Protein backbone atom coordinates (compact mmCIF):
# COMPACT_ATOMS: atom_id res chain seq x y z
CA MET A 1 -3.72 0.46 -30.82
CA ASP A 2 -6.86 -1.45 -31.82
CA LYS A 3 -8.95 -3.64 -29.56
CA LYS A 4 -7.29 -6.85 -30.67
CA SER A 5 -3.85 -5.44 -29.94
CA PHE A 6 -4.95 -4.35 -26.47
CA LEU A 7 -6.42 -7.76 -25.59
CA GLN A 8 -3.30 -9.58 -26.79
CA SER A 9 -0.81 -7.31 -25.08
CA GLY A 10 -1.62 -7.85 -21.41
CA HIS A 11 -3.19 -10.26 -18.93
CA ALA A 12 -7.00 -9.99 -18.90
CA PRO A 13 -7.61 -12.08 -15.72
CA THR A 14 -5.32 -9.81 -13.72
CA LEU A 15 -7.00 -6.72 -15.16
CA LEU A 16 -10.40 -8.12 -14.12
CA ALA A 17 -9.12 -8.99 -10.65
CA ALA A 18 -7.66 -5.50 -10.24
CA PHE A 19 -10.98 -3.95 -11.25
CA LEU A 20 -13.06 -6.08 -8.87
CA TYR A 21 -10.68 -5.52 -5.95
CA PHE A 22 -10.62 -1.79 -6.59
CA ASP A 23 -14.40 -1.65 -7.01
CA LEU A 24 -15.31 -3.33 -3.71
CA ALA A 25 -12.52 -1.55 -1.83
CA PHE A 26 -13.81 1.82 -2.97
CA MET A 27 -17.34 0.82 -2.03
CA VAL A 28 -16.37 0.40 1.61
CA TRP A 29 -13.86 3.27 1.58
CA VAL A 30 -16.59 5.89 1.23
CA ILE A 31 -19.41 4.01 2.95
CA LEU A 32 -19.60 6.48 5.84
CA GLY A 33 -20.74 9.13 3.34
CA PRO A 34 -23.91 7.36 2.14
CA LEU A 35 -24.62 6.30 5.73
CA GLY A 36 -23.83 9.78 7.00
CA VAL A 37 -27.44 10.96 7.29
CA GLN A 38 -28.48 8.07 9.54
CA ILE A 39 -25.24 8.08 11.54
CA ALA A 40 -25.43 11.84 12.09
CA GLN A 41 -29.03 11.58 13.31
CA ASP A 42 -28.27 8.77 15.76
CA LEU A 43 -25.05 10.31 17.10
CA GLN A 44 -26.31 13.92 16.89
CA LEU A 45 -23.35 15.20 14.88
CA THR A 46 -22.80 18.83 13.87
CA HIS A 47 -22.23 19.85 10.24
CA ALA A 48 -18.49 20.10 10.86
CA GLN A 49 -18.42 16.67 12.50
CA ARG A 50 -20.30 15.18 9.55
CA GLY A 51 -17.78 16.64 7.16
CA LEU A 52 -14.81 15.37 9.13
CA MET A 53 -16.40 11.95 9.61
CA VAL A 54 -16.71 11.35 5.86
CA ALA A 55 -13.35 13.00 5.18
CA THR A 56 -11.33 10.89 7.65
CA PRO A 57 -11.30 7.68 5.56
CA VAL A 58 -10.32 9.78 2.55
CA LEU A 59 -7.32 11.30 4.34
CA ALA A 60 -6.33 7.95 5.87
CA GLY A 61 -6.52 6.33 2.45
CA ALA A 62 -4.40 9.13 1.03
CA ILE A 63 -1.60 8.66 3.55
CA LEU A 64 -1.73 4.87 3.41
CA ARG A 65 -1.42 4.92 -0.39
CA LEU A 66 2.18 5.95 0.00
CA PHE A 67 2.94 3.00 2.26
CA MET A 68 0.97 0.60 0.09
CA GLY A 69 2.92 1.87 -2.91
CA LEU A 70 6.14 1.03 -1.10
CA LEU A 71 4.84 -2.42 -0.18
CA VAL A 72 3.85 -3.06 -3.79
CA ASP A 73 7.48 -2.88 -4.86
CA HIS A 74 8.73 -4.84 -1.85
CA LEU A 75 6.11 -7.59 -1.61
CA LYS A 76 4.68 -7.32 -5.17
CA PRO A 77 1.12 -6.12 -5.89
CA LYS A 78 -0.82 -9.35 -5.41
CA LEU A 79 0.35 -10.08 -1.85
CA THR A 80 0.02 -6.44 -0.84
CA GLY A 81 -3.57 -6.37 -2.08
CA ALA A 82 -4.42 -9.57 -0.23
CA ILE A 83 -3.11 -8.14 3.05
CA GLY A 84 -5.11 -4.95 2.57
CA GLN A 85 -8.33 -6.84 1.94
CA VAL A 86 -7.93 -8.91 5.10
CA VAL A 87 -7.40 -5.78 7.22
CA VAL A 88 -10.51 -4.11 5.82
CA MET A 89 -12.70 -7.17 6.31
CA ALA A 90 -11.50 -7.52 9.90
CA ALA A 91 -12.34 -3.86 10.64
CA LEU A 92 -15.82 -4.21 9.13
CA PHE A 93 -16.47 -7.37 11.11
CA TYR A 94 -15.51 -5.64 14.36
CA ALA A 95 -17.64 -2.58 13.61
CA TRP A 96 -20.59 -4.84 12.79
CA GLN A 97 -20.29 -6.94 15.93
CA ALA A 98 -19.21 -4.30 18.46
CA GLY A 99 -21.07 -1.36 16.96
CA ILE A 100 -20.12 2.31 16.69
CA HIS A 101 -21.50 4.46 19.49
CA SER A 102 -19.70 7.81 19.35
CA TYR A 103 -18.25 10.39 16.99
CA GLU A 104 -14.74 9.44 18.07
CA GLN A 105 -15.38 5.82 17.17
CA THR A 106 -16.47 6.83 13.67
CA LEU A 107 -13.12 8.55 13.22
CA VAL A 108 -11.17 5.49 14.39
CA PHE A 109 -13.22 3.27 12.11
CA GLY A 110 -12.56 5.71 9.29
CA LEU A 111 -8.83 5.23 9.74
CA PHE A 112 -9.21 1.49 9.06
CA LEU A 113 -11.45 2.17 6.08
CA GLY A 114 -8.53 4.15 4.73
CA VAL A 115 -6.80 0.84 3.99
CA ALA A 116 -9.53 0.20 1.43
CA GLY A 117 -8.84 3.57 -0.16
CA ALA A 118 -5.17 2.67 -0.37
CA SER A 119 -6.12 -0.16 -2.76
CA PHE A 120 -5.53 2.41 -5.49
CA ALA A 121 -1.77 2.03 -4.98
CA VAL A 122 -2.07 -1.72 -5.51
CA ALA A 123 -4.69 -2.25 -8.21
CA LEU A 124 -3.17 0.18 -10.70
CA PRO A 125 0.42 -1.17 -10.61
CA LEU A 126 -1.00 -4.72 -10.65
CA ALA A 127 -2.65 -3.95 -13.98
CA SER A 128 -0.17 -1.41 -15.36
CA ARG A 129 2.87 -3.68 -15.36
CA TRP A 130 1.22 -6.06 -17.81
CA TYR A 131 0.64 -3.45 -20.55
CA PRO A 132 2.90 -1.50 -22.95
CA ALA A 133 3.04 2.30 -23.07
CA GLU A 134 0.51 2.71 -25.90
CA HIS A 135 -2.19 0.90 -23.86
CA GLN A 136 -1.59 2.41 -20.42
CA GLY A 137 -4.56 4.77 -20.66
CA LYS A 138 -7.01 1.98 -21.46
CA ALA A 139 -5.57 -0.52 -18.97
CA LEU A 140 -5.44 1.91 -16.07
CA GLY A 141 -8.78 3.36 -17.10
CA ILE A 142 -10.41 -0.08 -16.82
CA ALA A 143 -8.72 -0.89 -13.52
CA GLY A 144 -9.45 2.60 -12.25
CA ALA A 145 -13.11 2.29 -13.20
CA GLY A 146 -13.32 0.35 -9.96
CA ASN A 147 -14.02 3.70 -8.38
CA SER A 148 -17.58 2.95 -9.49
CA GLY A 149 -17.73 1.17 -6.14
CA THR A 150 -18.38 4.58 -4.64
CA ALA A 151 -21.60 4.63 -6.64
CA LEU A 152 -22.58 1.20 -5.33
CA ALA A 153 -22.17 2.52 -1.80
CA ALA A 154 -24.34 5.56 -2.53
CA LEU A 155 -26.97 3.46 -4.28
CA LEU A 156 -27.31 0.60 -1.80
CA ALA A 157 -26.08 1.69 1.63
CA PRO A 158 -28.89 4.14 2.56
CA SER A 159 -31.60 1.63 1.58
CA LEU A 160 -29.91 -1.21 3.46
CA ALA A 161 -29.50 1.04 6.49
CA THR A 162 -33.21 1.91 6.42
CA ALA A 163 -34.17 -1.76 6.21
CA TYR A 164 -31.64 -3.33 8.60
CA GLY A 165 -29.95 -0.53 10.53
CA TRP A 166 -26.76 1.22 9.49
CA SER A 167 -24.45 -0.83 11.71
CA ASN A 168 -25.64 -4.05 10.04
CA VAL A 169 -24.59 -2.69 6.65
CA PHE A 170 -21.00 -3.33 7.71
CA GLY A 171 -21.80 -7.02 8.05
CA ILE A 172 -23.76 -7.20 4.79
CA VAL A 173 -20.92 -5.83 2.69
CA LEU A 174 -18.60 -8.53 4.02
CA VAL A 175 -20.33 -11.04 1.74
CA PRO A 176 -19.30 -9.50 -1.62
CA LEU A 177 -15.91 -8.59 -0.17
CA ALA A 178 -15.22 -12.22 0.71
CA ILE A 179 -16.30 -13.40 -2.75
CA VAL A 180 -14.07 -10.89 -4.52
CA PHE A 181 -11.18 -11.81 -2.22
CA VAL A 182 -11.35 -15.42 -3.41
CA VAL A 183 -11.65 -14.35 -7.07
CA TYR A 184 -8.67 -12.06 -6.60
CA LEU A 185 -6.50 -14.86 -5.17
CA VAL A 186 -7.39 -17.10 -8.13
CA LEU A 187 -7.14 -14.64 -11.04
CA ALA A 188 -4.53 -12.03 -10.11
CA LYS A 189 -0.97 -12.62 -11.20
CA ASP A 190 2.10 -10.43 -10.77
CA ALA A 191 3.70 -9.29 -14.03
CA PRO A 192 7.12 -10.75 -14.83
CA GLU A 193 8.52 -7.20 -15.13
CA CYS A 194 8.06 -6.40 -11.41
CA PRO A 195 11.18 -4.38 -10.46
CA PRO A 196 13.39 -5.49 -7.57
CA PRO A 197 12.78 -3.79 -4.20
CA LYS A 198 14.54 -0.51 -3.52
CA ARG A 199 15.50 1.29 -0.34
CA LEU A 200 13.12 3.91 1.03
CA VAL A 201 15.53 6.69 0.14
CA GLU A 202 15.44 5.59 -3.49
CA TYR A 203 11.65 5.81 -3.55
CA LEU A 204 11.60 9.26 -2.01
CA ALA A 205 14.18 10.38 -4.55
CA VAL A 206 11.37 10.88 -7.07
CA LEU A 207 10.18 13.80 -4.96
CA LYS A 208 13.26 15.68 -6.15
CA ASP A 209 11.72 15.63 -9.62
CA LYS A 210 9.34 18.54 -10.09
CA ASP A 211 7.20 16.51 -12.48
CA ALA A 212 6.24 14.24 -9.56
CA TRP A 213 4.84 17.26 -7.73
CA TRP A 214 2.93 18.40 -10.79
CA PHE A 215 1.27 15.01 -11.15
CA MET A 216 0.41 15.00 -7.46
CA PHE A 217 -1.26 18.40 -7.76
CA PHE A 218 -3.12 17.52 -10.96
CA TYR A 219 -4.56 14.39 -9.40
CA ALA A 220 -5.39 16.19 -6.17
CA VAL A 221 -7.84 18.23 -8.24
CA THR A 222 -9.34 15.53 -10.50
CA PHE A 223 -9.54 12.61 -8.08
CA GLY A 224 -9.86 14.87 -5.05
CA GLY A 225 -12.93 16.45 -6.58
CA PHE A 226 -14.37 13.06 -7.48
CA VAL A 227 -13.94 11.31 -4.13
CA GLY A 228 -14.70 14.44 -2.13
CA LEU A 229 -18.05 14.77 -3.86
CA ALA A 230 -18.71 11.03 -3.67
CA SER A 231 -18.22 11.18 0.10
CA SER A 232 -20.26 14.34 0.66
CA LEU A 233 -23.17 14.52 -1.77
CA THR A 234 -25.58 12.33 0.19
CA ILE A 235 -25.28 14.65 3.17
CA TYR A 236 -25.35 17.69 0.85
CA PHE A 237 -28.60 16.72 -0.89
CA ASN A 238 -30.18 15.88 2.47
CA THR A 239 -29.13 19.13 4.13
CA GLN A 240 -29.46 21.53 1.19
CA TYR A 241 -32.67 20.21 -0.37
CA GLY A 242 -34.29 18.15 2.39
CA LEU A 243 -34.14 14.86 0.46
CA ASP A 244 -34.48 11.71 2.57
CA ALA A 245 -31.43 9.46 2.92
CA LYS A 246 -32.51 6.99 0.22
CA THR A 247 -33.31 9.65 -2.37
CA ALA A 248 -30.13 11.57 -1.56
CA GLY A 249 -28.23 8.30 -2.04
CA PHE A 250 -29.84 7.76 -5.46
CA PHE A 251 -28.90 11.29 -6.51
CA THR A 252 -25.33 10.74 -5.32
CA ALA A 253 -25.12 7.39 -7.11
CA ALA A 254 -26.11 9.03 -10.40
CA CYS A 255 -23.30 11.57 -10.01
CA VAL A 256 -20.71 8.99 -8.99
CA PHE A 257 -21.64 6.52 -11.73
CA ALA A 258 -21.09 9.28 -14.25
CA GLY A 259 -17.63 10.07 -12.92
CA SER A 260 -16.48 6.49 -12.50
CA LEU A 261 -17.76 4.95 -15.72
CA VAL A 262 -16.08 7.55 -17.91
CA ARG A 263 -12.65 6.96 -16.39
CA PRO A 264 -11.77 4.29 -18.99
CA ILE A 265 -13.10 6.63 -21.67
CA GLY A 266 -10.87 9.37 -20.30
CA GLY A 267 -7.88 7.04 -20.51
CA GLY A 268 -8.82 5.96 -24.03
CA VAL A 269 -9.32 9.55 -25.20
CA ALA A 270 -5.95 10.47 -23.68
CA ASP A 271 -4.34 7.55 -25.55
CA ARG A 272 -5.82 8.92 -28.77
CA ILE A 273 -5.37 12.69 -28.49
CA GLY A 274 -2.81 12.95 -25.69
CA GLY A 275 -3.21 13.31 -21.94
CA ILE A 276 -2.28 17.00 -21.91
CA ARG A 277 -4.94 18.04 -24.41
CA SER A 278 -7.55 15.90 -22.68
CA LEU A 279 -6.72 17.28 -19.22
CA THR A 280 -6.85 20.85 -20.47
CA VAL A 281 -10.47 20.47 -21.51
CA MET A 282 -11.44 18.57 -18.37
CA TYR A 283 -10.02 21.16 -15.96
CA ALA A 284 -11.82 23.97 -17.76
CA LEU A 285 -15.15 22.13 -17.63
CA ALA A 286 -14.73 21.11 -13.99
CA ALA A 287 -14.02 24.69 -12.96
CA ILE A 288 -17.11 25.93 -14.78
CA PHE A 289 -19.47 23.34 -13.31
CA LEU A 290 -18.14 23.61 -9.75
CA GLY A 291 -18.45 27.37 -10.05
CA ILE A 292 -22.08 27.04 -11.15
CA VAL A 293 -23.04 24.71 -8.30
CA SER A 294 -21.39 27.01 -5.77
CA ILE A 295 -24.09 29.64 -6.31
CA GLY A 296 -26.67 27.32 -4.71
CA LEU A 297 -29.17 26.19 -7.37
CA SER A 298 -32.81 26.42 -6.33
CA GLN A 299 -33.90 22.87 -7.22
CA ALA A 300 -32.30 19.53 -6.42
CA TRP A 301 -32.63 18.30 -10.01
CA MET A 302 -30.70 21.35 -11.22
CA ALA A 303 -27.87 20.62 -8.81
CA LEU A 304 -27.94 16.95 -9.83
CA SER A 305 -27.53 17.88 -13.51
CA VAL A 306 -24.55 20.14 -12.85
CA PHE A 307 -22.90 17.66 -10.48
CA VAL A 308 -23.20 14.93 -13.12
CA LEU A 309 -21.44 17.17 -15.63
CA ALA A 310 -18.74 18.05 -13.09
CA MET A 311 -18.19 14.38 -12.27
CA LEU A 312 -17.94 13.51 -15.96
CA ALA A 313 -15.15 16.04 -16.34
CA LEU A 314 -13.35 14.93 -13.17
CA GLY A 315 -13.71 11.23 -14.02
CA MET A 316 -12.26 11.66 -17.49
CA GLY A 317 -9.51 13.78 -15.97
CA ASN A 318 -8.61 10.89 -13.64
CA GLY A 319 -8.09 8.63 -16.63
CA ALA A 320 -6.02 11.26 -18.43
CA VAL A 321 -3.64 11.82 -15.50
CA PHE A 322 -2.85 8.12 -15.34
CA GLN A 323 -2.29 7.95 -19.04
CA LEU A 324 0.61 10.35 -18.46
CA VAL A 325 2.13 9.08 -15.20
CA PRO A 326 3.38 5.69 -16.52
CA GLN A 327 5.02 7.41 -19.50
CA ARG A 328 7.10 9.63 -17.24
CA PHE A 329 7.74 7.27 -14.31
CA ARG A 330 7.38 3.73 -15.65
CA LYS A 331 10.21 2.29 -13.52
CA GLU A 332 8.85 4.02 -10.41
CA ILE A 333 5.17 3.34 -11.11
CA GLY A 334 4.58 1.68 -7.74
CA VAL A 335 5.77 4.57 -5.60
CA MET A 336 4.40 7.17 -8.03
CA THR A 337 0.98 5.55 -7.90
CA GLY A 338 1.20 5.79 -4.13
CA LEU A 339 2.36 9.41 -4.15
CA VAL A 340 -0.09 10.62 -6.78
CA GLY A 341 -2.91 8.62 -5.21
CA MET A 342 -2.03 10.09 -1.83
CA ALA A 343 -2.31 13.58 -3.26
CA GLY A 344 -5.69 12.70 -4.76
CA GLY A 345 -6.91 11.57 -1.38
CA VAL A 346 -5.67 14.76 0.26
CA GLY A 347 -7.65 16.73 -2.29
CA GLY A 348 -10.73 14.67 -1.45
CA PHE A 349 -10.20 15.24 2.27
CA TRP A 350 -9.93 18.98 1.66
CA LEU A 351 -13.18 19.13 -0.30
CA ALA A 352 -15.20 16.86 2.00
CA SER A 353 -14.09 18.52 5.21
CA SER A 354 -14.25 22.07 3.86
CA LEU A 355 -17.84 21.58 2.74
CA GLY A 356 -18.84 20.67 6.30
CA TYR A 357 -16.94 23.57 7.83
CA SER A 358 -18.25 25.96 5.17
CA ARG A 359 -21.83 24.99 6.00
CA GLN A 360 -21.30 25.32 9.74
CA ILE A 361 -19.39 28.61 9.68
CA THR A 362 -21.19 30.48 6.89
CA GLY A 363 -24.50 28.62 6.67
CA SER A 364 -23.75 27.76 3.03
CA TYR A 365 -21.67 25.28 1.03
CA GLN A 366 -20.68 27.99 -1.45
CA ALA A 367 -17.14 28.65 -0.21
CA GLY A 368 -16.14 24.97 -0.30
CA PHE A 369 -17.24 24.50 -3.92
CA LEU A 370 -15.86 27.84 -5.06
CA ILE A 371 -12.38 27.21 -3.63
CA PHE A 372 -12.19 23.88 -5.43
CA ALA A 373 -13.23 25.54 -8.70
CA VAL A 374 -10.31 27.94 -8.24
CA LEU A 375 -8.00 24.95 -7.73
CA ALA A 376 -9.16 23.52 -11.07
CA ILE A 377 -8.29 26.82 -12.76
CA THR A 378 -4.88 26.78 -11.05
CA ALA A 379 -4.28 23.23 -12.29
CA LEU A 380 -5.17 24.35 -15.81
CA ALA A 381 -2.63 27.15 -15.58
CA GLY A 382 0.02 24.75 -14.27
CA LEU A 383 -0.61 22.26 -17.07
CA THR A 384 -0.27 25.04 -19.63
CA SER A 385 3.10 25.99 -18.15
CA VAL A 386 4.63 22.49 -18.44
CA LYS A 387 3.06 21.06 -21.59
CA THR A 388 5.74 22.26 -24.03
CA ARG A 389 8.58 20.85 -21.93
CA TRP A 390 6.80 17.53 -21.46
CA ARG A 391 6.08 17.13 -25.17
CA THR A 392 9.66 17.89 -26.19
CA THR A 393 11.45 15.77 -23.55
CA TRP A 394 9.99 12.54 -22.15
CA GLY A 395 6.90 12.86 -24.35
CA ALA A 396 8.79 13.25 -27.60
CA ALA A 397 8.00 10.80 -30.41
CA THR A 398 11.55 9.39 -30.18
CA MET A 399 10.96 8.49 -26.51
CA THR A 400 7.51 6.88 -26.50
CA ALA A 401 4.84 5.49 -28.79
CA ALA A 402 2.12 7.04 -26.64
CA ARG A 403 0.40 10.36 -27.36
CA ILE A 404 1.38 13.00 -24.79
């Protein structure tokens, strides 16, 4: 499982293309979050409307991941990804040229941005099918590190909006999207092991397996926490601590970079010590840090420190979950990526929207963070309940070379 073995076992150009596609897609998926302060001021949105505005692309992306997962197995990953990129670029171009003038229009635009979030169901199978079981954690960790695009959005979008106006940001991001689209068409290649298309009923058959539901729940907590925070923290730092949009964006970028850059590390650690052991530690840490931040720390830098730690735990947890999924559902990886990714998006929608409603109803964000901390504890309890069965059935040494 050394570096040389990893590099020789797969297709590096496709892995790079999957990463770049995923990275830019995630950048635009959450872009309403970093722009949320300026948009909310111009459109005079309430706290609940702000929360729902940034949560809508997350939910749309969650639902569309299922359909993109189905398309991956019918049309193959490369073509599916190309179609998704064209749809997103068209939506951005329209929003740039026509403008967004009401709360309702932000929600409609958010639905189209959900197609970018659905890239998860394409990029991961595109990369996964090239690599053997013992390298799934590293391969999917590298491809999945494309969620660092959420940090790019937080870092750049508020500053660009201040300089050029937030509606023009939609036009600016079209430039890197177009470049990556061309690179993707040149470098990406479908693996020769792509399974033949199945009927819809065959895909949905995996839902009869209780392990599918466990993976969906586990990812709803790790990825849901990550993307929910990525979408909400700019507004949170602005509202809770009075930071201006640019500074709040910088704080958010620090948190998101932490969570996204450790995803490959999380996959690598899971390859080495087993995904179950890695996830156990990550859920415990995430619950602790989310619980701490829920009390409402007095200084912004204190909150930043705890959020970074929480995002580190959630990011490594993301990598660990997808070290396990291909071991259990390798033949169904396309639809499972869609289902598990959908659940992750639903978790993100829950966190992002609940933070807005919590602030509006109670005057505090405490309830939103505290409920998600409880979900992390629940996931830890669920993982403990299934780990023995997993290790002695599909995770047994006679079944796979990977550490479970």
